[in-house]
N, C-alpha and C. Protein backbone atom coordinates (compact mmCIF):
# COMPACT_ATOMS: atom_id res chain seq x y z
N VAL A 1 34.17 -121.06 -226.00
CA VAL A 1 35.16 -122.54 -226.40
C VAL A 1 34.83 -123.31 -225.87
N ASN A 2 34.56 -124.90 -226.46
CA ASN A 2 34.90 -125.98 -226.10
C ASN A 2 35.78 -126.49 -227.01
N TYR A 3 37.47 -126.79 -226.85
CA TYR A 3 38.84 -127.54 -227.48
C TYR A 3 39.00 -129.06 -227.08
N GLY A 4 39.56 -129.18 -227.67
CA GLY A 4 40.55 -129.99 -226.45
C GLY A 4 41.93 -130.24 -227.42
N SER A 5 42.75 -130.89 -227.57
CA SER A 5 44.45 -130.89 -227.99
C SER A 5 45.11 -131.82 -228.54
N SER A 6 44.15 -132.83 -229.07
CA SER A 6 44.89 -134.36 -229.71
C SER A 6 44.59 -134.23 -230.92
N ASP A 7 44.23 -133.59 -231.73
CA ASP A 7 43.81 -133.41 -233.37
C ASP A 7 43.68 -131.85 -233.38
N THR A 8 44.09 -131.87 -235.03
CA THR A 8 44.19 -130.85 -235.36
C THR A 8 43.32 -130.16 -235.49
N GLY A 9 42.15 -130.97 -235.75
CA GLY A 9 40.42 -129.84 -235.54
C GLY A 9 40.34 -129.54 -234.24
N LEU A 10 40.45 -129.95 -233.34
CA LEU A 10 40.39 -129.70 -231.73
C LEU A 10 40.78 -129.28 -231.72
N ARG A 11 41.43 -128.25 -232.32
CA ARG A 11 42.42 -126.56 -231.72
C ARG A 11 42.19 -125.13 -232.49
N LEU A 12 42.50 -123.96 -231.68
CA LEU A 12 42.09 -122.94 -232.04
C LEU A 12 43.12 -122.55 -232.98
N TRP A 13 43.95 -121.72 -234.05
CA TRP A 13 44.36 -121.44 -234.75
C TRP A 13 44.99 -120.87 -235.34
N VAL A 14 45.95 -119.96 -235.55
CA VAL A 14 46.23 -118.97 -235.59
C VAL A 14 45.02 -118.43 -237.55
N GLY A 15 44.96 -119.07 -237.73
CA GLY A 15 44.56 -118.78 -239.48
C GLY A 15 42.96 -118.60 -239.41
N GLY A 16 42.35 -119.51 -238.63
CA GLY A 16 41.28 -118.85 -238.61
C GLY A 16 40.67 -117.96 -237.70
N LEU A 17 41.88 -117.24 -236.94
CA LEU A 17 41.46 -115.88 -236.12
C LEU A 17 41.17 -114.76 -237.20
N LEU A 18 42.49 -115.10 -237.51
CA LEU A 18 43.30 -114.01 -239.14
C LEU A 18 42.06 -114.01 -240.33
N LEU A 19 41.52 -115.36 -240.43
CA LEU A 19 39.98 -115.21 -241.72
C LEU A 19 39.18 -114.16 -241.17
N SER A 20 38.59 -115.27 -239.74
CA SER A 20 37.98 -114.53 -238.95
C SER A 20 37.39 -113.04 -238.71
N SER A 21 38.83 -112.73 -238.08
CA SER A 21 39.05 -110.72 -238.18
C SER A 21 38.99 -109.83 -239.75
N PHE A 22 39.67 -110.46 -240.25
CA PHE A 22 38.97 -110.05 -242.48
C PHE A 22 38.16 -110.16 -242.49
N LEU A 23 37.00 -111.40 -242.00
CA LEU A 23 35.84 -111.14 -242.49
C LEU A 23 34.90 -109.61 -241.87
N ALA A 24 35.56 -109.87 -240.01
CA ALA A 24 34.75 -109.01 -239.82
C ALA A 24 34.43 -107.78 -239.80
N GLU A 25 36.13 -107.02 -240.42
CA GLU A 25 36.50 -106.53 -240.83
C GLU A 25 35.88 -105.55 -242.06
N ARG A 26 35.92 -106.38 -243.49
CA ARG A 26 35.42 -106.45 -244.58
C ARG A 26 34.38 -107.43 -245.12
N GLY A 27 34.32 -108.13 -244.18
CA GLY A 27 33.01 -108.93 -245.39
C GLY A 27 31.55 -108.09 -245.35
N SER A 28 31.17 -107.25 -244.84
CA SER A 28 30.11 -107.16 -245.41
C SER A 28 30.46 -106.22 -246.46
N GLU A 29 31.12 -106.18 -247.37
CA GLU A 29 31.88 -104.70 -248.12
C GLU A 29 31.91 -106.44 -249.35
N PHE A 30 31.65 -108.20 -249.51
CA PHE A 30 30.94 -108.08 -250.34
C PHE A 30 30.75 -109.84 -250.02
N LEU A 31 30.01 -109.75 -248.75
CA LEU A 31 29.31 -111.44 -248.52
C LEU A 31 27.87 -111.17 -248.41
N GLY A 32 27.01 -109.78 -248.89
CA GLY A 32 25.65 -109.86 -249.17
C GLY A 32 24.87 -110.63 -249.38
N GLY A 33 24.19 -111.38 -248.79
CA GLY A 33 23.01 -112.06 -249.86
C GLY A 33 23.71 -113.83 -250.01
N ARG A 34 25.36 -113.72 -250.19
CA ARG A 34 26.16 -114.75 -250.28
C ARG A 34 25.95 -116.22 -250.03
N SER A 35 26.04 -117.04 -250.42
CA SER A 35 26.34 -118.01 -249.77
C SER A 35 27.57 -118.87 -248.81
N VAL A 36 27.37 -119.24 -248.20
CA VAL A 36 29.21 -119.50 -247.68
C VAL A 36 29.25 -120.83 -247.60
N LEU A 37 30.53 -121.23 -247.51
CA LEU A 37 31.03 -122.66 -247.60
C LEU A 37 32.06 -122.58 -246.83
N GLU A 38 32.36 -123.31 -245.22
CA GLU A 38 33.76 -123.45 -244.75
C GLU A 38 34.35 -125.07 -244.53
N LEU A 39 35.41 -125.31 -245.37
CA LEU A 39 35.51 -125.92 -245.25
C LEU A 39 36.92 -126.27 -244.00
N GLY A 40 36.88 -127.86 -243.22
CA GLY A 40 37.99 -127.96 -242.14
C GLY A 40 37.27 -126.72 -240.92
N CYS A 41 36.35 -126.79 -240.68
CA CYS A 41 35.82 -125.62 -239.68
C CYS A 41 36.63 -125.86 -238.00
N GLY A 42 36.49 -127.61 -237.80
CA GLY A 42 37.43 -127.65 -236.45
C GLY A 42 36.34 -127.30 -235.85
N VAL A 43 36.31 -127.07 -234.48
CA VAL A 43 35.46 -127.36 -232.84
C VAL A 43 35.06 -125.71 -232.67
N ALA A 44 35.49 -124.51 -233.54
CA ALA A 44 35.65 -123.19 -233.18
C ALA A 44 34.84 -122.53 -234.53
N PRO A 45 34.25 -122.83 -235.81
CA PRO A 45 34.02 -122.31 -236.92
C PRO A 45 33.63 -121.07 -236.83
N LEU A 46 34.74 -119.97 -236.33
CA LEU A 46 34.83 -118.50 -236.40
C LEU A 46 34.79 -118.16 -237.39
N PRO A 47 35.63 -118.24 -238.90
CA PRO A 47 34.97 -117.69 -239.76
C PRO A 47 33.53 -117.92 -240.26
N ILE A 48 32.92 -119.15 -240.21
CA ILE A 48 31.84 -119.19 -240.70
C ILE A 48 30.88 -118.56 -240.09
N ALA A 49 30.50 -117.70 -238.43
CA ALA A 49 30.44 -117.29 -238.12
C ALA A 49 29.99 -116.02 -237.70
N VAL A 50 31.57 -115.47 -238.83
CA VAL A 50 31.57 -114.03 -238.82
C VAL A 50 30.82 -113.80 -239.73
N ALA A 51 30.99 -114.11 -240.99
CA ALA A 51 30.26 -114.68 -242.74
C ALA A 51 28.90 -114.19 -241.67
N ALA A 52 28.25 -114.93 -241.57
CA ALA A 52 27.03 -114.90 -241.14
C ALA A 52 26.53 -113.34 -240.80
N SER A 53 27.32 -113.25 -239.40
CA SER A 53 27.11 -111.54 -238.82
C SER A 53 27.25 -110.86 -240.02
N ARG A 54 27.82 -110.87 -240.93
CA ARG A 54 28.09 -109.95 -241.64
C ARG A 54 27.34 -109.81 -243.45
N GLY A 55 26.07 -110.15 -242.68
CA GLY A 55 25.39 -110.14 -244.16
C GLY A 55 25.42 -111.11 -244.75
N ALA A 56 25.87 -112.42 -245.19
CA ALA A 56 25.69 -113.70 -245.45
C ALA A 56 24.52 -114.27 -246.32
N GLY A 57 24.30 -115.01 -246.74
CA GLY A 57 22.96 -115.53 -247.03
C GLY A 57 22.60 -117.30 -246.18
N GLU A 58 23.23 -118.25 -247.40
CA GLU A 58 23.07 -119.64 -246.22
C GLU A 58 24.59 -119.72 -245.60
N CYS A 59 24.41 -120.27 -245.16
CA CYS A 59 26.44 -120.80 -244.38
C CYS A 59 25.89 -122.00 -243.63
N GLN A 60 26.88 -122.88 -244.14
CA GLN A 60 27.31 -123.85 -243.23
C GLN A 60 28.79 -124.32 -242.55
N ALA A 61 29.02 -124.50 -242.38
CA ALA A 61 30.28 -125.21 -241.85
C ALA A 61 30.50 -126.91 -241.74
N THR A 62 32.05 -126.86 -242.11
CA THR A 62 31.54 -128.65 -242.46
C THR A 62 33.77 -129.00 -241.45
N ASP A 63 32.67 -130.53 -241.51
CA ASP A 63 34.56 -130.90 -241.18
C ASP A 63 34.70 -132.21 -241.25
N TYR A 64 35.17 -132.91 -241.63
CA TYR A 64 35.69 -134.60 -242.13
C TYR A 64 35.03 -135.35 -240.47
N SER A 65 34.88 -134.81 -239.45
CA SER A 65 34.52 -136.10 -238.52
C SER A 65 33.33 -135.24 -237.68
N GLU A 66 32.81 -136.63 -237.32
CA GLU A 66 31.38 -136.30 -236.80
C GLU A 66 31.44 -135.40 -235.44
N SER A 67 33.07 -135.96 -234.22
CA SER A 67 33.07 -135.68 -233.64
C SER A 67 33.12 -134.22 -233.27
N ILE A 68 34.10 -133.92 -234.16
CA ILE A 68 34.73 -132.47 -234.83
C ILE A 68 33.08 -131.33 -235.24
N VAL A 69 32.06 -132.15 -236.18
CA VAL A 69 30.49 -131.42 -236.52
C VAL A 69 30.22 -131.13 -234.62
N GLY A 70 30.24 -132.31 -234.11
CA GLY A 70 29.34 -132.21 -232.62
C GLY A 70 29.56 -130.80 -231.53
N PHE A 71 31.58 -130.51 -231.66
CA PHE A 71 31.66 -129.74 -231.37
C PHE A 71 31.67 -128.85 -231.31
N ALA A 72 31.32 -128.43 -233.15
CA ALA A 72 31.23 -127.13 -233.62
C ALA A 72 29.60 -126.37 -233.71
N GLU A 73 28.44 -127.57 -233.48
CA GLU A 73 27.25 -126.61 -233.43
C GLU A 73 27.32 -126.53 -231.84
N ALA A 74 27.98 -127.16 -230.97
CA ALA A 74 27.61 -126.97 -229.74
C ALA A 74 28.38 -125.37 -229.84
N ASN A 75 29.61 -125.26 -230.06
CA ASN A 75 30.11 -124.04 -229.84
C ASN A 75 29.09 -122.64 -230.33
N LEU A 76 29.04 -122.88 -231.99
CA LEU A 76 27.18 -122.31 -231.94
C LEU A 76 26.42 -121.93 -231.28
N ALA A 77 25.88 -122.85 -230.89
CA ALA A 77 24.65 -122.69 -229.98
C ALA A 77 24.69 -121.99 -228.86
N LEU A 78 26.16 -122.63 -228.16
CA LEU A 78 26.87 -121.87 -227.07
C LEU A 78 26.65 -120.05 -227.33
N ASN A 79 27.08 -119.71 -229.00
CA ASN A 79 27.49 -118.33 -229.16
C ASN A 79 25.38 -117.98 -229.58
N GLY A 80 24.54 -118.03 -229.23
CA GLY A 80 23.65 -118.22 -229.74
C GLY A 80 23.39 -117.61 -231.27
N ILE A 81 24.54 -118.56 -232.05
CA ILE A 81 24.61 -118.19 -233.88
C ILE A 81 23.83 -119.41 -233.71
N ASP A 82 22.18 -119.13 -234.76
CA ASP A 82 21.62 -120.09 -235.37
C ASP A 82 21.47 -120.29 -236.70
N ARG A 83 22.01 -119.33 -237.30
CA ARG A 83 21.97 -118.72 -238.91
C ARG A 83 22.97 -119.90 -239.40
N VAL A 84 23.73 -120.45 -238.71
CA VAL A 84 25.36 -121.73 -239.43
C VAL A 84 24.60 -122.27 -238.90
N VAL A 85 24.15 -123.83 -240.74
CA VAL A 85 24.39 -125.09 -240.33
C VAL A 85 25.70 -125.90 -240.13
N SER A 86 25.89 -127.18 -239.61
CA SER A 86 27.29 -127.84 -239.76
C SER A 86 26.91 -129.23 -239.89
N ALA A 87 27.31 -129.51 -240.56
CA ALA A 87 27.72 -130.73 -240.84
C ALA A 87 29.03 -132.04 -241.73
N VAL A 88 29.09 -132.90 -241.98
CA VAL A 88 30.21 -133.53 -242.36
C VAL A 88 30.41 -134.16 -243.58
N LEU A 89 31.85 -133.32 -243.57
CA LEU A 89 32.01 -133.39 -245.39
C LEU A 89 33.36 -133.78 -245.65
N ASP A 90 32.94 -135.10 -246.60
CA ASP A 90 34.01 -135.79 -246.53
C ASP A 90 34.85 -134.96 -248.36
N TRP A 91 36.01 -134.45 -248.25
CA TRP A 91 36.19 -134.16 -249.30
C TRP A 91 36.58 -135.26 -250.73
N ASP A 92 37.07 -136.16 -249.98
CA ASP A 92 37.32 -136.89 -251.22
C ASP A 92 36.17 -137.80 -251.91
N LYS A 93 34.53 -137.50 -251.12
CA LYS A 93 33.55 -138.21 -251.27
C LYS A 93 33.17 -136.89 -252.73
N VAL A 94 33.23 -136.28 -251.84
CA VAL A 94 32.77 -134.71 -253.42
C VAL A 94 33.43 -134.76 -253.80
N VAL A 95 35.19 -134.62 -253.92
CA VAL A 95 35.59 -134.82 -255.56
C VAL A 95 34.91 -136.03 -256.27
N SER A 96 35.20 -137.23 -255.93
CA SER A 96 34.88 -138.35 -256.54
C SER A 96 33.50 -138.30 -257.25
N ALA A 97 32.18 -137.59 -256.70
CA ALA A 97 31.26 -137.43 -256.92
C ALA A 97 31.15 -136.27 -258.36
N ALA A 98 31.94 -135.26 -258.18
CA ALA A 98 32.16 -134.55 -259.16
C ALA A 98 33.38 -135.26 -260.52
N ALA A 99 34.25 -136.21 -260.51
CA ALA A 99 34.57 -136.44 -261.26
C ALA A 99 33.50 -137.84 -262.15
N SER A 100 32.44 -138.32 -261.55
CA SER A 100 31.70 -139.14 -261.85
C SER A 100 30.32 -138.67 -262.86
N GLY A 101 30.85 -137.28 -262.17
CA GLY A 101 29.09 -136.13 -262.87
C GLY A 101 28.17 -136.20 -261.82
N ALA A 102 28.11 -136.38 -260.67
CA ALA A 102 27.08 -136.23 -260.35
C ALA A 102 26.95 -135.48 -260.01
N VAL A 103 25.57 -133.84 -259.46
CA VAL A 103 25.14 -132.72 -259.10
C VAL A 103 25.79 -132.71 -258.32
N VAL A 104 27.04 -132.03 -258.19
CA VAL A 104 27.65 -130.88 -256.03
C VAL A 104 27.11 -129.51 -256.04
N ARG A 105 26.34 -129.82 -254.93
CA ARG A 105 26.05 -128.52 -254.58
C ARG A 105 26.88 -127.42 -254.60
N LYS A 106 26.83 -126.13 -254.74
CA LYS A 106 27.43 -125.20 -255.56
C LYS A 106 27.35 -124.03 -254.72
N TRP A 107 28.50 -123.58 -253.94
CA TRP A 107 28.97 -122.20 -252.99
C TRP A 107 29.33 -120.87 -253.89
N ASP A 108 28.93 -119.54 -253.70
CA ASP A 108 29.38 -118.63 -253.84
C ASP A 108 30.59 -118.00 -252.88
N VAL A 109 30.79 -118.55 -251.94
CA VAL A 109 32.10 -118.35 -251.08
C VAL A 109 32.44 -119.39 -250.26
N VAL A 110 33.71 -120.15 -250.37
CA VAL A 110 34.34 -120.79 -249.36
C VAL A 110 35.41 -120.58 -249.18
N LEU A 111 35.55 -120.84 -247.42
CA LEU A 111 36.29 -120.69 -246.71
C LEU A 111 36.83 -121.43 -246.33
N PHE A 112 38.66 -121.13 -245.78
CA PHE A 112 39.26 -122.81 -245.28
C PHE A 112 39.95 -120.93 -244.39
N ALA A 113 40.81 -122.46 -243.21
CA ALA A 113 42.07 -121.76 -242.39
C ALA A 113 42.51 -123.10 -241.68
N ASP A 114 44.27 -122.97 -242.55
CA ASP A 114 44.82 -123.86 -241.34
C ASP A 114 44.35 -124.89 -241.71
N THR A 115 44.11 -125.58 -242.85
CA THR A 115 43.18 -127.28 -243.18
C THR A 115 44.79 -128.02 -243.98
N VAL A 116 45.50 -127.49 -244.10
CA VAL A 116 46.26 -128.25 -245.22
C VAL A 116 47.46 -129.07 -243.78
N TYR A 117 48.25 -130.32 -244.06
CA TYR A 117 48.85 -130.81 -243.13
C TYR A 117 50.18 -131.40 -243.73
N THR A 118 49.55 -132.14 -245.20
CA THR A 118 49.85 -133.21 -245.72
C THR A 118 50.41 -132.82 -246.95
N GLU A 119 51.24 -133.32 -248.20
CA GLU A 119 51.17 -133.05 -249.26
C GLU A 119 49.34 -133.59 -250.02
N GLU A 120 49.03 -134.41 -249.57
CA GLU A 120 47.59 -135.21 -250.15
C GLU A 120 46.54 -134.41 -250.00
N MET A 121 46.59 -133.25 -248.45
CA MET A 121 45.88 -132.54 -248.36
C MET A 121 45.36 -131.59 -249.16
N GLY A 122 47.34 -130.88 -249.02
CA GLY A 122 47.37 -129.53 -250.35
C GLY A 122 46.51 -129.97 -252.04
N THR A 123 46.47 -131.00 -252.30
CA THR A 123 46.11 -131.76 -253.82
C THR A 123 44.23 -131.40 -253.07
N LEU A 124 44.29 -132.29 -252.29
CA LEU A 124 42.79 -132.67 -251.80
C LEU A 124 41.90 -131.43 -251.45
N LEU A 125 42.60 -130.04 -250.81
CA LEU A 125 41.38 -129.22 -250.82
C LEU A 125 41.34 -128.58 -252.13
N ALA A 126 42.86 -128.25 -252.81
CA ALA A 126 42.22 -127.48 -254.24
C ALA A 126 40.88 -128.72 -255.01
N GLU A 127 40.58 -129.35 -255.26
CA GLU A 127 39.76 -130.44 -255.96
C GLU A 127 38.86 -130.50 -255.37
N CYS A 128 38.12 -130.19 -253.76
CA CYS A 128 37.45 -130.04 -253.53
C CYS A 128 37.19 -128.80 -254.08
N ILE A 129 38.00 -127.62 -253.76
CA ILE A 129 37.83 -125.83 -254.11
C ILE A 129 36.93 -126.40 -255.25
N ASP A 130 37.04 -126.61 -256.42
CA ASP A 130 37.03 -126.45 -257.55
C ASP A 130 35.37 -127.04 -257.69
N ALA A 131 35.32 -128.04 -256.69
CA ALA A 131 34.30 -129.13 -257.43
C ALA A 131 32.78 -128.57 -256.53
N VAL A 132 33.27 -127.38 -255.40
CA VAL A 132 32.05 -126.78 -255.12
C VAL A 132 31.48 -125.35 -255.17
N LEU A 133 32.69 -124.63 -255.97
CA LEU A 133 32.64 -123.18 -255.93
C LEU A 133 32.15 -122.56 -257.19
N ALA A 134 31.05 -122.12 -256.42
CA ALA A 134 30.19 -121.81 -257.94
C ALA A 134 30.69 -120.84 -258.80
N PRO A 135 30.24 -120.87 -260.45
CA PRO A 135 30.70 -119.98 -261.36
C PRO A 135 31.44 -118.57 -260.67
N GLU A 136 32.29 -117.76 -261.48
CA GLU A 136 32.45 -116.66 -260.48
C GLU A 136 32.57 -116.61 -258.92
N GLY A 137 32.47 -117.41 -258.31
CA GLY A 137 32.98 -117.66 -257.23
C GLY A 137 34.09 -117.55 -256.40
N GLN A 138 34.11 -117.32 -254.52
CA GLN A 138 35.66 -116.22 -254.80
C GLN A 138 36.16 -117.46 -253.60
N VAL A 139 37.48 -117.77 -252.98
CA VAL A 139 37.58 -118.91 -251.81
C VAL A 139 38.30 -117.47 -251.16
N LEU A 140 38.21 -117.58 -249.86
CA LEU A 140 39.63 -116.73 -248.94
C LEU A 140 39.79 -117.93 -247.96
N GLY A 141 41.06 -117.95 -248.12
CA GLY A 141 42.09 -118.89 -246.94
C GLY A 141 42.76 -118.45 -246.42
N ALA A 142 43.41 -119.34 -245.46
CA ALA A 142 44.75 -118.88 -244.21
C ALA A 142 45.38 -119.41 -244.51
N LEU A 143 46.85 -119.80 -245.52
CA LEU A 143 47.53 -120.70 -245.14
C LEU A 143 49.00 -120.49 -244.51
N PRO A 144 49.47 -121.07 -244.18
CA PRO A 144 51.16 -120.17 -243.85
C PRO A 144 52.23 -121.14 -244.99
N PRO A 145 52.95 -120.21 -246.06
CA PRO A 145 53.34 -120.63 -247.43
C PRO A 145 55.02 -121.78 -247.04
N LEU A 146 54.98 -121.87 -245.89
CA LEU A 146 56.03 -123.15 -245.66
C LEU A 146 55.44 -124.44 -245.41
N ARG A 147 54.45 -123.77 -244.81
CA ARG A 147 53.29 -125.63 -243.91
C ARG A 147 53.93 -126.79 -245.40
N VAL A 148 53.98 -128.02 -244.76
CA VAL A 148 53.88 -128.70 -246.02
C VAL A 148 52.36 -129.29 -246.38
N GLY A 149 52.36 -129.48 -247.60
CA GLY A 149 51.05 -129.04 -248.67
C GLY A 149 50.84 -127.69 -248.71
N THR A 150 51.59 -126.73 -248.60
CA THR A 150 50.49 -125.71 -249.71
C THR A 150 50.95 -125.35 -251.00
N ALA A 151 52.22 -126.05 -250.86
CA ALA A 151 52.76 -125.71 -252.53
C ALA A 151 51.67 -126.79 -253.46
N GLU A 152 51.36 -128.25 -253.13
CA GLU A 152 50.58 -128.72 -253.55
C GLU A 152 49.35 -128.10 -253.79
N PHE A 153 48.94 -127.31 -252.70
CA PHE A 153 47.66 -126.82 -252.35
C PHE A 153 47.63 -125.79 -254.38
N VAL A 154 48.29 -124.91 -253.79
CA VAL A 154 48.60 -123.44 -255.19
C VAL A 154 48.99 -124.64 -256.35
N LEU A 155 49.72 -125.46 -256.60
CA LEU A 155 49.75 -126.44 -257.70
C LEU A 155 48.82 -126.83 -258.39
N MET A 156 47.89 -126.91 -257.91
CA MET A 156 46.67 -127.15 -257.51
C MET A 156 45.96 -126.25 -258.49
N MET A 157 45.73 -125.49 -257.09
CA MET A 157 44.54 -124.55 -257.96
C MET A 157 45.37 -123.75 -259.39
N ARG A 158 46.18 -123.20 -259.40
CA ARG A 158 46.72 -122.96 -260.27
C ARG A 158 46.66 -123.59 -261.92
N LYS A 159 46.25 -125.18 -261.53
CA LYS A 159 45.80 -125.62 -262.55
C LYS A 159 44.75 -126.16 -263.20
N HIS A 160 43.91 -125.60 -262.11
CA HIS A 160 42.09 -125.19 -261.99
C HIS A 160 41.95 -123.94 -261.93
N GLY A 161 42.84 -123.41 -262.77
CA GLY A 161 43.00 -121.74 -263.15
C GLY A 161 42.31 -120.44 -262.43
N PHE A 162 42.44 -121.16 -261.36
CA PHE A 162 42.79 -120.08 -259.67
C PHE A 162 43.51 -119.28 -259.73
N ALA A 163 43.72 -118.34 -259.52
CA ALA A 163 45.14 -116.92 -259.07
C ALA A 163 44.86 -116.08 -257.54
N ALA A 164 45.93 -116.22 -257.62
CA ALA A 164 45.04 -115.86 -255.60
C ALA A 164 46.27 -113.98 -255.28
N GLU A 165 45.41 -113.38 -254.44
CA GLU A 165 46.16 -111.99 -253.94
C GLU A 165 46.68 -112.57 -252.52
N GLU A 166 47.21 -112.41 -251.87
CA GLU A 166 47.95 -111.97 -250.67
C GLU A 166 46.71 -110.72 -249.93
N LEU A 167 46.38 -111.32 -249.00
CA LEU A 167 45.16 -109.21 -248.36
C LEU A 167 46.06 -108.77 -247.25
N GLU A 168 46.18 -107.73 -247.06
CA GLU A 168 46.71 -107.44 -246.42
C GLU A 168 45.50 -107.06 -244.68
N CYS A 169 45.93 -107.50 -243.45
CA CYS A 169 45.18 -106.77 -242.32
C CYS A 169 45.32 -105.86 -241.64
N SER A 170 45.21 -105.53 -241.16
CA SER A 170 45.59 -104.01 -240.59
C SER A 170 46.87 -104.23 -239.36
N GLN A 171 47.25 -103.58 -238.35
CA GLN A 171 48.50 -103.65 -237.27
C GLN A 171 47.52 -103.90 -235.98
N VAL A 172 47.04 -103.49 -235.69
CA VAL A 172 46.17 -104.32 -234.60
C VAL A 172 44.95 -105.18 -234.83
N LEU A 173 45.27 -105.58 -235.39
CA LEU A 173 44.02 -106.78 -236.07
C LEU A 173 45.54 -108.07 -235.64
N LYS A 174 46.75 -107.15 -236.37
CA LYS A 174 48.23 -108.63 -235.86
C LYS A 174 48.35 -108.74 -234.70
N ASP A 175 48.11 -107.82 -234.09
CA ASP A 175 48.50 -107.53 -232.64
C ASP A 175 48.05 -108.36 -231.83
N ALA A 176 46.82 -107.93 -231.68
CA ALA A 176 45.69 -108.94 -230.96
C ALA A 176 45.73 -110.05 -231.37
N ILE A 177 46.22 -110.75 -232.05
CA ILE A 177 45.79 -112.61 -232.24
C ILE A 177 47.90 -112.46 -231.94
N ASP A 178 49.03 -111.28 -231.76
CA ASP A 178 49.81 -112.21 -231.31
C ASP A 178 49.52 -112.37 -229.82
N ASP A 179 48.81 -111.30 -229.12
CA ASP A 179 48.80 -111.59 -228.12
C ASP A 179 47.92 -112.26 -227.44
N SER A 180 47.02 -113.44 -228.72
CA SER A 180 45.99 -113.90 -227.73
C SER A 180 46.52 -115.27 -226.52
N SER A 181 46.02 -115.85 -225.86
CA SER A 181 46.63 -116.48 -224.84
C SER A 181 45.91 -118.41 -225.56
N ILE A 182 44.88 -118.31 -225.76
CA ILE A 182 44.40 -119.44 -226.43
C ILE A 182 45.12 -119.74 -227.89
N LEU A 183 46.20 -119.58 -228.40
CA LEU A 183 46.49 -120.43 -229.25
C LEU A 183 47.93 -121.11 -229.39
N GLU A 184 47.35 -122.65 -230.23
CA GLU A 184 48.71 -123.39 -230.05
C GLU A 184 49.53 -122.39 -230.37
N SER A 185 49.48 -121.57 -231.89
CA SER A 185 50.98 -121.18 -232.18
C SER A 185 50.50 -119.20 -232.04
N ASP A 186 51.65 -118.53 -231.34
CA ASP A 186 51.86 -117.90 -231.08
C ASP A 186 52.00 -116.25 -231.21
N SER A 187 52.14 -117.03 -233.22
CA SER A 187 52.78 -115.75 -234.02
C SER A 187 51.71 -115.65 -235.59
N LEU A 188 52.47 -114.91 -235.77
CA LEU A 188 51.92 -114.13 -237.59
C LEU A 188 52.77 -114.88 -237.99
N LYS A 189 54.08 -114.61 -238.05
CA LYS A 189 54.46 -115.14 -238.74
C LYS A 189 54.75 -116.31 -239.89
N GLY A 190 54.70 -116.39 -241.22
CA GLY A 190 54.62 -117.37 -242.24
C GLY A 190 52.97 -117.15 -242.11
N GLU A 191 52.24 -116.33 -241.80
CA GLU A 191 50.54 -117.04 -241.82
C GLU A 191 50.68 -116.21 -243.24
N ALA A 192 50.03 -116.22 -244.15
CA ALA A 192 49.69 -115.86 -245.78
C ALA A 192 47.65 -116.14 -245.55
N LEU A 193 47.22 -114.70 -245.42
CA LEU A 193 45.82 -114.52 -246.12
C LEU A 193 45.48 -114.44 -247.31
N LEU A 194 44.95 -115.13 -247.97
CA LEU A 194 44.15 -114.97 -249.83
C LEU A 194 43.02 -115.29 -250.00
N ASP A 195 43.07 -114.33 -251.20
CA ASP A 195 41.80 -113.63 -251.89
C ASP A 195 42.15 -114.57 -252.49
N VAL A 196 41.70 -115.69 -253.48
CA VAL A 196 42.03 -116.89 -254.38
C VAL A 196 40.41 -116.71 -255.45
N ILE A 197 40.31 -116.23 -256.64
CA ILE A 197 40.16 -116.10 -257.28
C ILE A 197 39.95 -117.22 -259.03
N HIS A 198 38.40 -117.33 -258.89
CA HIS A 198 38.70 -118.37 -259.99
C HIS A 198 37.95 -117.12 -261.36
N GLY A 199 38.34 -118.35 -262.49
CA GLY A 199 38.51 -117.83 -263.84
C GLY A 199 40.15 -116.86 -264.35
N ARG A 200 40.39 -115.92 -263.35
CA ARG A 200 41.61 -115.38 -263.89
C ARG A 200 42.56 -115.25 -264.35
N PRO A 201 43.18 -115.37 -265.27
CA PRO A 201 44.76 -115.72 -265.91
C PRO A 201 45.51 -116.25 -264.41
N VAL A 202 46.00 -117.15 -264.25
CA VAL A 202 46.65 -117.90 -262.86
C VAL A 202 48.29 -116.57 -263.66
N ALA A 203 48.50 -116.56 -262.36
CA ALA A 203 49.40 -115.66 -261.78
C ALA A 203 50.66 -116.16 -260.32
N GLN A 204 51.67 -115.66 -261.07
CA GLN A 204 52.70 -116.48 -260.13
C GLN A 204 52.64 -115.77 -258.84
N CYS A 205 52.51 -116.41 -257.41
CA CYS A 205 52.31 -115.57 -256.14
C CYS A 205 53.22 -116.10 -255.25
């Protein structure tokens, strides 16, 4: 894996491994033939790569930076993953397009992990998800509940009629991630893996 350390998108984060490992364990149960979009994939788009290997249909890894997407493409190629397309995606432009009535591509499943670091990003991520998710679509993501921006993300998702369920991962998985030497963070403490469903009555999280 090629990665740097000067930007949030140029690191490997716990959330990405947590989501990837969950998809490896359970993805084949619900991904079959469904189109999958990853938002904020960073340089190592592990979740979408795993989704592709678990029977997903069309798969696209996206980030806001051309350089980050370039690293993502290189890492996919290095690992022989040819079923994932990489693309630059600006959340602001997506939200603006949807608000103007323009046609926005819809996806059956949307993935994200550790993509929120400010209050503005939390709100924007929720708006973008609402714009790109197909009716009856599913969102899977990982976020630390106490990180700046998470509360704004949850609030905006609720306003759009989403409800979240926290998912359980195996202890073997948690131990494996805690023991990893390549992460910027060395613990799963405070990291939540969420299954966010569109159209359910809003529930307290």
